[in-house]
Amino acid sequence: MKRAIILVMVGLALSLVPVFAGVPIVQIQAPRQVTEGDEVTLKIMITHEANDSDHHINYVWLYQNDRIVKEWVWTTSDFIKDDQFTLEYTTVLTEDTVFIAKAHCTLHGDKKITFKIEVEPYVALPRAIIVANDIDFSRAGSLVEFLEDNGFEAIRVTASEFEEYKAEELIIILGGADALDGIGEIVRSVLDEREQELTRLGIRYFTETDVWAPNQRVFVFSGRDRDETKEAHTQHRDKILK
């Protein structure tokens, strides 16, 4: 359930502070909404001008739901001289969370900002297992997109990985009885001899139920070559939704 998030600027809040030299400005950049279990990175941007040994940022605190989770400390000998700098904090969220970032200036005191992230419940999607060799899967992009558009999580597996997934409720096999890399062997375990021969004659699709597990649907899309196999699932993929 843990999934890495590519951080996109979807929310930017600014502290309301007087605008004159030397007063810190605190900003937070982070997603405003995530899914339960997501990893989130906050970027805390501090702007503070006219830094010297007597006037600089010496503390930044980060609170998560009223609990301090991170503290950055500087002294008169190692303070940050740049007018602007960014700090980062990464965590995993499982509930709505309020962050407070507070910066302390040695002359002007504290300035802070509050930033809320809403957490949506994680809902597992039904899975569609696509069993294919590299050639046929490389030509199945439109099938994957079709499945995802219709609410499925599309998972590609190879023949060597199939044993782990053979009890799944929806299995889609790309290729006929003679498909390479072990796919043909799986097809032959699903189809009878007459059906196997049909996979060698042209564009075909087959539907079987309860092959390896109860309440299971297995689809085979096949053709005489890679082009016909692609045409088979392009023409007949709507059958998966019925």
Protein backbone atom coordinates (compact mmCIF):
# COMPACT_ATOMS: atom_id res chain seq x y z
CA MET A 1 0.00 0.00 0.00
CA LYS A 2 3.01 2.21 0.40
CA ARG A 3 3.60 4.12 -2.69
CA ALA A 4 6.06 6.72 -3.43
CA ILE A 5 4.57 10.18 -4.39
CA ILE A 6 6.12 12.42 -7.04
CA LEU A 7 5.76 15.82 -5.20
CA VAL A 8 3.78 18.32 -7.24
CA MET A 9 3.00 21.84 -6.05
CA VAL A 10 -0.73 21.56 -5.42
CA GLY A 11 -0.95 23.85 -2.45
CA LEU A 12 1.10 26.79 -1.24
CA ALA A 13 0.30 28.65 1.92
CA LEU A 14 1.97 31.83 3.08
CA SER A 15 2.23 33.15 6.60
CA LEU A 16 0.71 36.56 7.06
CA VAL A 17 3.62 38.55 8.40
CA PRO A 18 4.72 42.16 8.17
CA VAL A 19 6.87 42.74 5.10
CA PHE A 20 10.04 44.46 6.19
CA ALA A 21 13.68 43.44 6.22
CA GLY A 22 14.73 40.82 8.73
CA VAL A 23 11.29 39.41 9.59
CA PRO A 24 11.04 35.72 8.65
CA ILE A 25 8.51 34.50 6.10
CA VAL A 26 7.52 30.84 6.38
CA GLN A 27 6.01 28.83 3.52
CA ILE A 28 5.07 25.16 3.14
CA GLN A 29 4.87 23.35 -0.18
CA ALA A 30 3.13 19.94 -0.12
CA PRO A 31 0.11 18.09 -1.52
CA ARG A 32 -3.20 19.27 -0.10
CA GLN A 33 -4.73 15.80 -0.46
CA VAL A 34 -3.19 12.30 -0.41
CA THR A 35 -4.28 8.68 -0.02
CA GLU A 36 -3.98 6.75 3.23
CA GLY A 37 -0.53 5.18 3.48
CA ASP A 38 1.11 7.62 1.05
CA GLU A 39 4.60 8.95 1.73
CA VAL A 40 4.60 12.74 1.74
CA THR A 41 7.46 15.21 1.60
CA LEU A 42 6.95 18.72 2.97
CA LYS A 43 9.18 21.54 1.76
CA ILE A 44 9.49 24.29 4.35
CA MET A 45 10.78 27.50 2.78
CA ILE A 46 12.21 30.18 5.03
CA THR A 47 12.89 33.71 3.80
CA HIS A 48 14.94 35.94 6.09
CA GLU A 49 17.05 38.92 5.04
CA ALA A 50 19.99 40.79 6.57
CA ASN A 51 21.48 37.78 8.29
CA ASP A 52 24.46 38.28 10.59
CA SER A 53 25.73 36.86 13.88
CA ASP A 54 23.28 38.97 15.88
CA HIS A 55 20.28 38.63 13.57
CA HIS A 56 19.48 35.26 11.98
CA ILE A 57 17.22 32.23 12.17
CA ASN A 58 18.39 30.00 14.99
CA TYR A 59 15.48 27.55 15.23
CA VAL A 60 12.86 25.99 12.98
CA TRP A 61 10.30 23.63 14.51
CA LEU A 62 7.84 21.39 12.72
CA TYR A 63 4.72 20.15 14.53
CA GLN A 64 2.48 17.34 13.29
CA ASN A 65 -0.95 17.36 14.95
CA ASP A 66 0.45 19.41 17.88
CA ARG A 67 3.44 17.10 18.38
CA ILE A 68 6.92 18.30 17.49
CA VAL A 69 8.45 15.94 14.94
CA LYS A 70 11.49 17.86 13.73
CA GLU A 71 13.77 20.61 15.01
CA TRP A 72 16.55 22.43 13.15
CA VAL A 73 19.05 24.44 15.22
CA TRP A 74 21.77 26.95 14.25
CA THR A 75 24.24 28.91 16.35
CA THR A 76 25.97 32.27 15.96
CA SER A 77 28.88 30.52 14.27
CA ASP A 78 26.98 28.27 11.83
CA PHE A 79 23.80 30.20 10.96
CA ILE A 80 22.44 30.24 7.40
CA LYS A 81 23.51 33.38 5.58
CA ASP A 82 21.29 32.93 2.51
CA ASP A 83 18.16 35.08 2.27
CA GLN A 84 16.10 31.97 1.49
CA PHE A 85 16.56 28.29 2.28
CA THR A 86 14.42 25.14 2.17
CA LEU A 87 14.08 22.31 4.68
CA GLU A 88 12.44 18.96 3.98
CA TYR A 89 10.54 16.46 6.09
CA THR A 90 9.15 13.13 4.88
CA THR A 91 6.49 11.05 6.62
CA VAL A 92 3.70 8.55 5.92
CA LEU A 93 0.15 9.77 6.55
CA THR A 94 -2.81 7.66 7.63
CA GLU A 95 -5.22 10.40 8.74
CA ASP A 96 -5.98 14.08 8.21
CA THR A 97 -2.94 15.96 9.49
CA VAL A 98 -2.21 19.55 10.49
CA PHE A 99 1.40 20.71 10.26
CA ILE A 100 2.75 23.87 11.89
CA ALA A 101 6.13 25.21 10.81
CA LYS A 102 7.63 27.84 13.11
CA ALA A 103 10.81 29.82 12.52
CA HIS A 104 12.53 31.82 15.26
CA CYS A 105 14.52 34.98 14.53
CA THR A 106 17.02 36.09 17.17
CA LEU A 107 15.63 39.65 17.03
CA HIS A 108 12.01 39.35 15.93
CA GLY A 109 10.90 36.11 17.57
CA ASP A 110 8.61 33.45 16.12
CA LYS A 111 6.69 33.38 12.84
CA LYS A 112 4.65 30.32 11.92
CA ILE A 113 2.33 28.82 9.34
CA THR A 114 -0.37 26.12 9.52
CA PHE A 115 -0.85 23.66 6.68
CA LYS A 116 -3.49 20.91 6.55
CA ILE A 117 -3.31 17.75 4.44
CA GLU A 118 -6.49 15.73 3.94
CA VAL A 119 -6.07 11.94 3.77
CA GLU A 120 -8.50 9.91 1.67
CA PRO A 121 -9.11 6.24 2.58
CA TYR A 122 -7.19 3.69 0.56
CA VAL A 123 -9.52 1.56 -1.54
CA ALA A 124 -8.02 -1.49 -3.22
CA LEU A 125 -8.93 -1.79 -6.90
CA PRO A 126 -9.94 -5.13 -8.42
CA ARG A 127 -6.92 -6.68 -10.11
CA ALA A 128 -6.56 -7.79 -13.70
CA ILE A 129 -3.59 -10.14 -14.17
CA ILE A 130 -2.09 -9.90 -17.66
CA VAL A 131 0.02 -12.94 -18.50
CA ALA A 132 2.24 -12.19 -21.48
CA ASN A 133 5.75 -12.39 -22.85
CA ASP A 134 7.74 -9.24 -23.49
CA ILE A 135 6.72 -8.95 -27.14
CA ASP A 136 2.97 -9.18 -26.60
CA PHE A 137 2.97 -7.04 -23.47
CA SER A 138 4.93 -4.28 -25.23
CA ARG A 139 1.99 -4.07 -27.66
CA ALA A 140 -0.71 -4.10 -24.98
CA GLY A 141 -0.58 -0.48 -23.84
CA SER A 142 -4.13 0.23 -25.00
CA LEU A 143 -5.38 -2.85 -23.11
CA VAL A 144 -3.73 -1.67 -19.89
CA GLU A 145 -5.21 1.79 -20.36
CA PHE A 146 -8.65 0.26 -21.02
CA LEU A 147 -8.48 -1.78 -17.82
CA GLU A 148 -7.34 1.16 -15.72
CA ASP A 149 -10.01 3.42 -17.18
CA ASN A 150 -12.58 0.84 -16.08
CA GLY A 151 -11.39 0.65 -12.48
CA PHE A 152 -8.91 -2.24 -12.57
CA GLU A 153 -5.34 -2.40 -11.37
CA ALA A 154 -3.50 -4.00 -14.29
CA ILE A 155 -0.63 -6.27 -13.24
CA ARG A 156 1.62 -7.89 -15.81
CA VAL A 157 3.23 -11.23 -14.94
CA THR A 158 5.49 -13.55 -16.88
CA ALA A 159 5.04 -17.29 -17.18
CA SER A 160 7.67 -17.89 -14.50
CA GLU A 161 5.75 -15.64 -12.09
CA PHE A 162 2.31 -17.01 -12.89
CA GLU A 163 2.10 -19.63 -10.13
CA GLU A 164 1.87 -16.82 -7.56
CA TYR A 165 -1.14 -15.27 -9.34
CA LYS A 166 -3.07 -18.24 -10.73
CA ALA A 167 -5.83 -18.00 -8.07
CA GLU A 168 -6.72 -14.40 -9.01
CA GLU A 169 -10.31 -13.73 -10.06
CA LEU A 170 -9.46 -12.15 -13.44
CA ILE A 171 -6.65 -13.49 -15.62
CA ILE A 172 -5.94 -12.29 -19.15
CA ILE A 173 -3.52 -14.31 -21.28
CA LEU A 174 -2.02 -12.81 -24.43
CA GLY A 175 -0.87 -15.34 -27.00
CA GLY A 176 -1.83 -18.69 -28.44
CA ALA A 177 -0.89 -22.30 -27.89
CA ASP A 178 2.58 -21.75 -29.35
CA ALA A 179 3.40 -18.41 -27.71
CA LEU A 180 6.99 -17.96 -26.59
CA ASP A 181 8.54 -17.81 -23.12
CA GLY A 182 6.22 -20.28 -21.43
CA ILE A 183 2.96 -18.51 -22.33
CA GLY A 184 1.95 -21.23 -24.79
CA GLU A 185 2.24 -23.86 -22.07
CA ILE A 186 -0.19 -21.90 -19.88
CA VAL A 187 -2.59 -21.51 -22.81
CA ARG A 188 -2.52 -25.27 -23.44
CA SER A 189 -3.47 -25.86 -19.81
CA VAL A 190 -6.57 -23.67 -20.31
CA LEU A 191 -7.82 -24.63 -23.78
CA ASP A 192 -8.74 -28.02 -25.21
CA GLU A 193 -7.05 -29.34 -28.35
CA ARG A 194 -9.66 -27.91 -30.74
CA GLU A 195 -9.38 -24.47 -29.14
CA GLN A 196 -5.61 -24.68 -29.21
CA GLU A 197 -5.70 -25.31 -32.95
CA LEU A 198 -7.97 -22.28 -33.43
CA THR A 199 -5.29 -20.06 -31.89
CA ARG A 200 -3.06 -21.06 -34.80
CA LEU A 201 -5.58 -20.09 -37.47
CA GLY A 202 -6.32 -16.42 -36.83
CA ILE A 203 -7.68 -13.81 -34.44
CA ARG A 204 -9.46 -15.48 -31.54
CA TYR A 205 -10.60 -14.90 -27.99
CA PHE A 206 -11.71 -17.49 -25.42
CA THR A 207 -13.39 -17.24 -22.04
CA GLU A 208 -13.06 -19.91 -19.38
CA THR A 209 -14.29 -19.97 -15.77
CA ASP A 210 -13.01 -21.56 -12.56
CA VAL A 211 -9.83 -22.83 -14.21
CA TRP A 212 -7.56 -22.58 -11.17
CA ALA A 213 -9.91 -21.15 -8.53
CA PRO A 214 -13.65 -20.70 -7.86
CA ASN A 215 -15.33 -17.56 -9.24
CA GLN A 216 -12.46 -17.07 -11.64
CA ARG A 217 -12.60 -15.75 -15.21
CA VAL A 218 -9.78 -16.46 -17.65
CA PHE A 219 -9.53 -14.77 -21.05
CA VAL A 220 -7.19 -15.83 -23.85
CA PHE A 221 -6.56 -13.39 -26.70
CA SER A 222 -4.54 -14.91 -29.52
CA GLY A 223 -3.57 -14.82 -33.18
CA ARG A 224 -1.05 -16.26 -35.60
CA ASP A 225 1.49 -13.56 -34.74
CA ARG A 226 2.01 -10.55 -32.48
CA ASP A 227 -0.11 -8.30 -34.71
CA GLU A 228 -3.11 -10.62 -34.63
CA THR A 229 -2.76 -11.12 -30.88
CA LYS A 230 -2.93 -7.35 -30.44
CA GLU A 231 -5.91 -7.18 -32.79
CA ALA A 232 -7.65 -9.89 -30.76
CA HIS A 233 -7.60 -7.94 -27.50
CA THR A 234 -8.28 -4.66 -29.30
CA GLN A 235 -11.43 -6.06 -30.92
CA HIS A 236 -12.73 -8.12 -28.01
CA ARG A 237 -11.54 -6.46 -24.78
CA ASP A 238 -15.09 -5.27 -24.03
CA LYS A 239 -15.91 -8.91 -23.22
CA ILE A 240 -13.83 -8.51 -20.04
CA LEU A 241 -16.43 -6.12 -18.60
CA LYS A 242 -19.41 -8.41 -19.20
